[in-house]
Protein backbone atom coordinates (compact mmCIF):
# COMPACT_ATOMS: atom_id res chain seq x y z
CA MET A 1 -0.09 0.20 0.33
CA LYS A 2 2.86 2.26 0.81
CA ILE A 3 4.56 1.85 -2.76
CA LEU A 4 1.66 2.53 -4.06
CA LYS A 5 0.52 5.64 -2.69
CA ARG A 6 3.96 6.61 -3.20
CA ILE A 7 3.46 5.87 -6.95
CA MET A 8 0.76 7.99 -6.86
CA PHE A 9 1.78 10.94 -5.69
CA ILE A 10 5.08 10.53 -8.06
CA VAL A 11 2.15 10.34 -10.37
CA LEU A 12 0.73 13.74 -9.00
CA ILE A 13 4.30 15.44 -9.25
CA VAL A 14 4.65 14.77 -12.52
CA VAL A 15 1.01 15.95 -14.02
CA ALA A 16 1.23 19.04 -11.02
CA VAL A 17 4.59 19.92 -13.34
CA LEU A 18 3.73 19.00 -17.01
CA GLY A 19 -0.01 21.01 -16.03
CA ILE A 20 2.38 24.50 -14.93
CA SER A 21 5.19 23.94 -17.38
CA THR A 22 2.35 23.81 -20.06
CA TRP A 23 0.71 27.15 -18.79
CA LEU A 24 3.91 29.01 -18.40
CA PHE A 25 5.09 27.93 -21.92
CA MET A 26 0.87 29.00 -23.39
CA ARG A 27 1.65 32.40 -21.08
CA GLN A 28 4.29 33.70 -23.78
CA ALA A 29 3.09 36.76 -25.89
CA ALA A 30 3.71 34.72 -29.06
CA PHE A 31 0.34 33.15 -28.03
CA GLY A 32 -1.84 36.24 -28.13
CA GLU A 33 -4.34 37.03 -26.01
CA ASP A 34 -8.04 35.52 -26.01
CA PRO A 35 -11.10 38.66 -27.05
CA SER A 36 -12.78 40.25 -23.68
CA GLY A 37 -14.53 42.70 -22.52
CA ASP A 38 -16.10 44.76 -25.00
CA ARG A 39 -14.34 43.25 -28.12
CA LEU A 40 -15.95 39.72 -26.76
CA GLU A 41 -19.25 41.65 -26.49
CA ARG A 42 -19.11 42.81 -29.97
CA ILE A 43 -18.17 39.22 -31.07
CA LYS A 44 -21.70 38.02 -29.68
CA LYS A 45 -23.40 39.87 -31.62
CA SER A 46 -21.95 38.87 -35.13
CA ILE A 47 -24.69 36.27 -36.82
CA HIS A 48 -21.38 34.52 -37.43
CA TYR A 49 -20.45 33.59 -34.26
CA LYS A 50 -22.40 30.57 -32.50
CA ASN A 51 -21.75 27.68 -29.31
CA GLY A 52 -18.37 30.02 -28.43
CA SER A 53 -16.89 30.06 -31.38
CA PHE A 54 -16.74 31.33 -35.62
CA GLN A 55 -18.52 29.45 -37.77
CA ASN A 56 -18.02 28.58 -41.53
CA LEU A 57 -20.80 29.44 -43.36
CA HIS A 58 -20.97 25.85 -44.36
CA ASP A 59 -20.46 22.92 -42.57
CA THR A 60 -16.56 22.54 -42.60
CA PRO A 61 -15.27 19.36 -41.09
CA MET A 62 -11.04 19.83 -39.78
CA LEU A 63 -10.47 16.47 -41.43
CA SER A 64 -12.20 14.22 -44.21
CA ALA A 65 -14.69 11.22 -42.92
CA ASP A 66 -11.25 8.82 -43.82
CA ALA A 67 -9.43 10.63 -41.89
CA SER A 68 -7.39 10.41 -38.60
CA TYR A 69 -5.10 12.13 -35.84
CA PRO A 70 -2.87 9.17 -35.52
CA LYS A 71 -2.78 9.07 -40.12
CA LEU A 72 -2.14 12.58 -39.81
CA LEU A 73 1.13 12.60 -36.92
CA PHE A 74 1.96 9.47 -39.36
CA SER A 75 1.92 11.39 -42.51
CA PHE A 76 4.03 14.12 -41.00
CA PHE A 77 6.36 12.54 -39.34
CA LEU A 78 7.03 9.24 -41.06
CA GLY A 79 5.16 9.46 -44.33
CA LYS A 80 6.57 12.51 -45.56
CA PRO A 81 8.43 12.87 -49.78
CA LYS A 82 12.33 13.86 -50.08
CA ASN A 83 11.08 16.89 -51.51
CA THR A 84 9.09 18.39 -49.07
CA GLU A 85 11.53 21.68 -49.03
CA PRO A 86 13.89 22.99 -51.75
CA ASP A 87 17.31 21.89 -52.07
CA VAL A 88 18.72 25.06 -53.33
CA THR A 89 18.07 28.34 -51.98
CA ILE A 90 14.68 30.29 -53.20
CA PRO A 91 15.80 32.86 -55.97
CA SER A 92 15.02 36.52 -55.00
CA VAL A 93 14.74 40.04 -56.54
CA GLN A 94 16.36 43.24 -54.38
CA THR A 95 13.83 45.38 -54.63
CA ASP A 96 13.65 49.19 -53.05
CA LEU A 97 10.17 49.49 -51.58
CA LYS A 98 10.63 52.58 -50.14
CA SER A 99 10.90 54.19 -53.67
CA LEU A 100 7.32 52.17 -55.43
CA ASN A 101 5.88 55.10 -57.00
CA GLU A 102 4.10 53.75 -60.86
CA GLU A 103 0.56 54.97 -61.40
CA THR A 104 -0.92 51.53 -61.13
CA PRO A 105 -0.66 49.84 -58.45
CA VAL A 106 2.52 47.57 -57.44
CA ILE A 107 2.75 44.74 -55.63
CA VAL A 108 6.04 42.51 -54.36
CA TRP A 109 5.71 39.33 -52.78
CA PHE A 110 7.66 37.97 -49.95
CA GLY A 111 6.22 34.10 -49.88
CA HIS A 112 3.94 32.67 -48.79
CA SER A 113 0.71 35.11 -47.89
CA SER A 114 2.84 38.08 -47.41
CA TYR A 115 2.80 40.51 -50.20
CA LEU A 116 3.32 44.69 -50.17
CA ILE A 117 0.56 46.45 -52.14
CA ARG A 118 1.43 49.92 -53.65
CA ILE A 119 -1.86 51.51 -54.02
CA ASN A 120 -3.82 55.50 -55.09
CA GLY A 121 -0.29 56.31 -53.45
CA LYS A 122 -0.58 54.25 -50.38
CA SER A 123 1.07 51.20 -48.85
CA PHE A 124 -0.60 47.76 -47.53
CA LEU A 125 0.93 45.22 -45.94
CA MET A 126 -0.67 41.99 -45.92
CA ASP A 127 -0.23 38.98 -43.44
CA PRO A 128 3.31 39.94 -42.86
CA VAL A 129 5.68 36.42 -41.94
CA LEU A 130 9.24 38.08 -41.44
CA SER A 131 10.74 36.15 -38.05
CA GLY A 132 11.76 33.04 -39.74
CA ASN A 133 8.97 30.83 -38.55
CA ALA A 134 5.68 30.53 -38.72
CA SER A 135 5.21 28.81 -35.66
CA PRO A 136 5.82 29.97 -31.73
CA VAL A 137 8.88 27.86 -31.35
CA SER A 138 11.94 27.76 -33.20
CA PHE A 139 12.49 24.57 -34.54
CA PHE A 140 9.07 24.35 -36.78
CA GLY A 141 7.54 25.82 -39.04
CA LYS A 142 11.31 27.52 -40.24
CA SER A 143 11.25 29.30 -43.30
CA TYR A 144 13.49 28.17 -46.70
CA PRO A 145 17.03 29.09 -47.22
CA GLY A 146 16.36 32.54 -49.47
CA SER A 147 12.86 33.48 -48.77
CA ASP A 148 14.05 36.13 -46.34
CA VAL A 149 15.60 38.28 -48.08
CA TYR A 150 13.50 41.03 -46.61
CA SER A 151 13.28 42.51 -43.40
CA THR A 152 10.90 45.04 -41.53
CA GLU A 153 13.64 48.25 -41.59
CA ASP A 154 13.18 47.48 -45.62
CA PHE A 155 9.86 48.97 -45.98
CA PRO A 156 7.90 52.30 -46.10
CA GLU A 157 5.91 53.76 -43.35
CA LEU A 158 2.44 51.30 -43.97
CA ASP A 159 -0.74 53.09 -44.39
CA GLY A 160 -2.08 50.02 -43.18
CA VAL A 161 -1.44 46.28 -42.47
CA ILE A 162 -4.26 44.04 -43.56
CA ILE A 163 -4.39 40.29 -41.75
CA SER A 164 -7.01 37.87 -43.07
CA HIS A 165 -6.62 35.34 -39.40
CA ASP A 166 -4.51 34.76 -36.39
CA HIS A 167 -2.88 31.63 -37.19
CA TYR A 168 1.14 31.33 -36.72
CA ASP A 169 2.09 31.71 -40.60
CA HIS A 170 -0.67 34.88 -41.21
CA LEU A 171 0.11 36.77 -37.67
CA ASP A 172 3.43 36.55 -36.44
CA TYR A 173 4.14 38.44 -32.88
CA LYS A 174 7.77 39.02 -33.30
CA THR A 175 7.49 41.13 -37.18
CA ILE A 176 4.07 42.99 -35.22
CA VAL A 177 6.79 43.94 -32.76
CA LYS A 178 9.14 45.30 -34.85
CA LEU A 179 6.66 47.48 -37.38
CA LYS A 180 3.50 48.51 -35.11
CA ASP A 181 5.19 51.82 -34.89
CA LYS A 182 5.86 52.52 -38.59
CA VAL A 183 1.89 51.43 -39.60
CA LYS A 184 -0.75 53.79 -39.52
CA HIS A 185 -3.66 51.54 -39.27
CA PHE A 186 -4.20 47.50 -38.50
CA TYR A 187 -7.33 45.85 -40.49
CA THR A 188 -8.40 42.60 -38.94
CA ALA A 189 -11.19 40.14 -38.20
CA LEU A 190 -13.01 39.98 -35.92
CA GLY A 191 -11.51 38.99 -32.63
CA VAL A 192 -8.33 38.93 -33.74
CA GLY A 193 -7.43 42.76 -32.53
CA ALA A 194 -7.21 41.04 -28.83
CA HIS A 195 -4.03 39.74 -30.11
CA LEU A 196 -2.72 43.05 -31.84
CA ALA A 197 -3.38 45.19 -28.36
CA HIS A 198 -1.71 42.36 -25.99
CA TRP A 199 1.26 43.24 -28.11
CA GLY A 200 1.48 46.51 -27.96
CA VAL A 201 -0.97 48.35 -31.22
CA GLU A 202 -3.08 51.31 -29.39
CA GLU A 203 -6.83 50.23 -29.87
CA SER A 204 -7.51 53.51 -31.95
CA LYS A 205 -5.36 51.50 -35.05
CA ILE A 206 -7.29 48.46 -34.90
CA THR A 207 -10.00 47.89 -37.00
CA GLU A 208 -11.66 44.35 -36.39
CA PHE A 209 -14.28 43.51 -39.46
CA ASP A 210 -17.27 40.81 -39.70
CA TRP A 211 -17.91 39.38 -43.15
CA TRP A 212 -19.21 41.73 -45.82
CA GLU A 213 -18.15 44.87 -43.28
CA ALA A 214 -16.25 47.56 -44.96
CA ALA A 215 -13.72 50.41 -44.11
CA ASP A 216 -12.81 53.80 -45.76
CA LEU A 217 -9.70 54.15 -46.45
CA GLY A 218 -9.33 57.92 -47.97
CA ASP A 219 -8.89 58.97 -51.19
CA SER A 220 -11.94 57.32 -52.68
CA MET A 221 -10.36 53.76 -51.41
CA LYS A 222 -12.17 51.04 -49.49
CA ILE A 223 -11.31 48.08 -47.85
CA THR A 224 -14.17 45.09 -47.63
CA SER A 225 -13.45 42.67 -45.84
CA THR A 226 -15.49 39.34 -47.40
CA PRO A 227 -15.75 35.64 -46.22
CA ALA A 228 -13.09 32.32 -46.70
CA ARG A 229 -14.43 28.82 -45.19
CA HIS A 230 -11.22 28.55 -42.51
CA PHE A 231 -10.39 28.20 -39.16
CA SER A 232 -8.78 30.18 -36.16
CA GLY A 233 -6.69 29.68 -33.01
CA ARG A 234 -3.13 30.12 -31.73
CA GLY A 235 -3.57 27.66 -28.37
CA PHE A 236 -5.55 24.90 -27.71
CA GLY A 237 -8.99 26.57 -28.27
CA ARG A 238 -10.67 27.44 -32.12
CA GLY A 239 -12.88 29.88 -33.15
CA LYS A 240 -12.47 32.65 -30.72
CA SER A 241 -11.76 35.38 -33.57
CA LEU A 242 -12.96 34.86 -37.15
CA TRP A 243 -10.89 34.30 -40.34
CA SER A 244 -11.56 36.34 -43.55
CA SER A 245 -10.40 37.85 -46.73
CA TYR A 246 -10.47 40.57 -48.09
CA VAL A 247 -11.42 43.30 -51.61
CA LEU A 248 -9.13 46.32 -51.63
CA GLN A 249 -10.83 48.86 -53.90
CA THR A 250 -10.30 51.84 -55.86
CA PRO A 251 -11.85 54.35 -58.58
CA SER A 252 -9.80 52.56 -61.25
CA HIS A 253 -9.17 49.12 -59.90
CA ARG A 254 -10.30 46.26 -57.44
CA ILE A 255 -7.58 43.32 -55.96
CA TYR A 256 -8.82 40.24 -54.20
CA LEU A 257 -6.67 39.39 -51.12
CA GLY A 258 -7.14 35.88 -50.12
CA GLY A 259 -7.01 34.34 -46.89
CA ASP A 260 -6.63 30.90 -46.44
CA SER A 261 -9.93 28.88 -47.04
CA GLY A 262 -11.43 25.36 -48.58
CA TYR A 263 -13.19 25.74 -52.07
CA ASP A 264 -16.99 26.68 -51.61
CA ASP A 265 -19.50 29.20 -53.30
CA HIS A 266 -18.36 32.12 -51.35
CA PHE A 267 -15.91 32.96 -53.89
CA LYS A 268 -18.59 33.04 -57.04
CA GLU A 269 -20.82 35.30 -54.54
CA ILE A 270 -18.12 37.63 -53.82
CA GLY A 271 -17.17 38.39 -57.82
CA ASP A 272 -20.69 38.68 -58.33
CA LYS A 273 -21.18 41.51 -55.36
CA LEU A 274 -17.51 42.89 -56.21
CA GLY A 275 -15.75 41.39 -58.93
CA PRO A 276 -14.75 41.65 -61.40
CA PHE A 277 -11.21 42.17 -59.68
CA ASP A 278 -7.72 43.25 -61.82
CA ILE A 279 -5.88 40.46 -59.86
CA ALA A 280 -6.62 37.67 -57.52
CA PHE A 281 -4.12 36.83 -54.96
CA LEU A 282 -5.62 32.51 -53.73
CA GLU A 283 -3.79 30.18 -51.71
CA CYS A 284 -2.07 27.16 -52.88
CA GLY A 285 -0.10 25.15 -50.96
CA GLN A 286 -0.19 22.75 -47.56
CA TYR A 287 -3.20 20.95 -49.26
CA ASN A 288 -3.90 17.63 -48.19
CA VAL A 289 -6.96 15.37 -48.90
CA GLN A 290 -7.35 14.66 -45.29
CA TRP A 291 -8.04 18.26 -45.11
CA PRO A 292 -10.19 18.77 -48.42
CA PHE A 293 -12.42 21.70 -46.58
CA ILE A 294 -10.35 24.17 -45.16
CA HIS A 295 -7.56 24.83 -47.93
CA MET A 296 -8.29 24.41 -51.53
CA MET A 297 -6.51 21.98 -53.89
CA PRO A 298 -4.54 23.29 -56.89
CA GLU A 299 -7.27 23.07 -59.37
CA GLN A 300 -9.92 24.63 -57.00
CA THR A 301 -7.71 28.16 -56.54
CA VAL A 302 -7.78 28.17 -60.39
CA GLN A 303 -11.20 27.65 -60.40
CA ALA A 304 -11.83 29.99 -57.28
CA SER A 305 -10.53 32.72 -59.91
CA LEU A 306 -12.86 32.04 -62.34
CA ASP A 307 -15.77 32.61 -59.64
CA LEU A 308 -14.08 36.10 -58.67
CA LYS A 309 -13.91 36.89 -62.35
CA ALA A 310 -10.11 37.99 -61.52
CA LYS A 311 -8.27 38.42 -65.02
CA VAL A 312 -5.08 37.53 -63.35
CA LEU A 313 -4.42 35.23 -60.64
CA MET A 314 -1.41 35.07 -57.82
CA PRO A 315 -0.81 31.69 -56.33
CA VAL A 316 0.62 32.75 -52.99
CA HIS A 317 0.50 30.24 -49.29
CA TRP A 318 3.44 28.62 -50.56
CA GLY A 319 7.08 29.20 -52.18
CA LYS A 320 8.42 29.81 -48.12
CA PHE A 321 7.04 27.17 -45.25
CA THR A 322 6.23 23.74 -45.33
CA LEU A 323 3.45 23.26 -43.53
CA ALA A 324 1.65 20.01 -45.25
CA VAL A 325 3.16 16.77 -46.83
CA HIS A 326 3.19 17.55 -50.85
CA PRO A 327 6.53 18.08 -52.35
CA TRP A 328 7.11 22.12 -51.97
CA ASN A 329 6.68 23.26 -55.48
CA GLU A 330 4.37 20.37 -56.86
CA SER A 331 0.97 22.83 -55.95
CA ILE A 332 2.38 25.58 -58.69
CA GLU A 333 3.30 22.79 -60.75
CA ARG A 334 -0.85 21.73 -60.97
CA ALA A 335 -1.74 25.34 -60.73
CA THR A 336 0.30 26.03 -63.98
CA LYS A 337 -0.95 23.27 -65.36
CA ALA A 338 -4.84 23.69 -64.58
CA ALA A 339 -4.68 27.25 -65.26
CA ASP A 340 -3.42 26.60 -69.46
CA SER A 341 -6.07 24.58 -69.56
CA LEU A 342 -8.84 26.66 -68.26
CA ASN A 343 -7.09 29.88 -69.97
CA VAL A 344 -6.39 31.71 -66.52
CA LYS A 345 -3.82 34.16 -66.89
CA LEU A 346 -1.52 33.52 -63.95
CA THR A 347 1.70 35.67 -62.84
CA THR A 348 4.52 33.78 -60.62
CA PRO A 349 6.79 36.29 -59.90
CA LYS A 350 10.63 35.52 -57.79
CA ILE A 351 10.28 36.86 -53.80
CA GLY A 352 10.86 40.44 -54.48
CA GLU A 353 10.15 40.96 -57.81
CA PRO A 354 7.11 43.58 -58.60
CA ILE A 355 3.97 42.95 -60.58
CA ILE A 356 2.66 46.12 -62.11
CA ILE A 357 -1.13 45.94 -62.68
CA ASP A 358 -2.07 46.50 -66.07
CA LYS A 359 1.77 46.59 -67.46
CA HIS A 360 3.82 43.33 -65.92
CA TYR A 361 3.30 40.11 -64.32
CA PRO A 362 6.10 37.76 -63.98
CA SER A 363 5.83 35.03 -65.65
CA GLY A 364 9.18 32.58 -64.96
CA LYS A 365 9.16 28.93 -63.93
CA TRP A 366 11.50 29.76 -60.99
CA TRP A 367 10.65 27.09 -59.00
CA ARG A 368 11.91 24.29 -61.85
């Protein structure tokens, strides 16, 4: 009996130590903060928030019917192909971001879902992740060699930072802390502002949207939050903040800024209401048949651009991090093939290589 009691005591001590260690680890600033107070009260009024969590427009299981988390873990740790990461340095172009002054919009991609938009005399930065990791820990989600050639010091003063949702590959603590003092305003989805405020961004500089809400950006410009099919969460909980795509409009141009999204009929609805678009930025990577509802297959990415009535498709969400188990350049190869078959105009710039709307759409196959 004494031995049993001693074993139980040791087990309790181990459980307590693990619990305290986990709690302390999760209190790191990188994990952010859950919405509370007035922010939470506003969230509760959203028609997309039910039973303590934001919901997609249609039922969206995390995994397919024949998938399981054990299968998922096996594929990540034992079933990966050898070429999930490039074996050469990612090529790039060094562009002076502070001197972009084209009359038409200019976009510069930094890999994955981060890009700078210079439009109508204003500068906006989408989902910046420039710290070298798409995770709260240094040993997971490392950026590819050559893909981190730009730093926060390279950016001009920013009229806005636009954030689609709070996953680590779209909202990076270290990047936000370094950027926040040169950003006039942050535009994001409901609830995400809790993270920003926790990291020192003034509440007066944060605008949070529910789907289909819009804000005036001045100089006849507007940003509108539009639906996406995904999920959110930086800790153990999910759905405490919303996920979104956006439409950026000027009197002469319309740009679709896609966050993460599985394929659904919301793309057609957005295209019908706010299209056509001069260019659409759509996720093209980190997919798997085990999670087919929260990310698109490359062929669906191309179809989504047609639904949106986009003149040009720019595939993003690839080229910087390995967050799935497909070959690192498989997504762009599949998207290129699908675009060719459907007569969709594709632009595939290197990191740092400018896209100039109506003038220059890089299309080199640099990943081969």
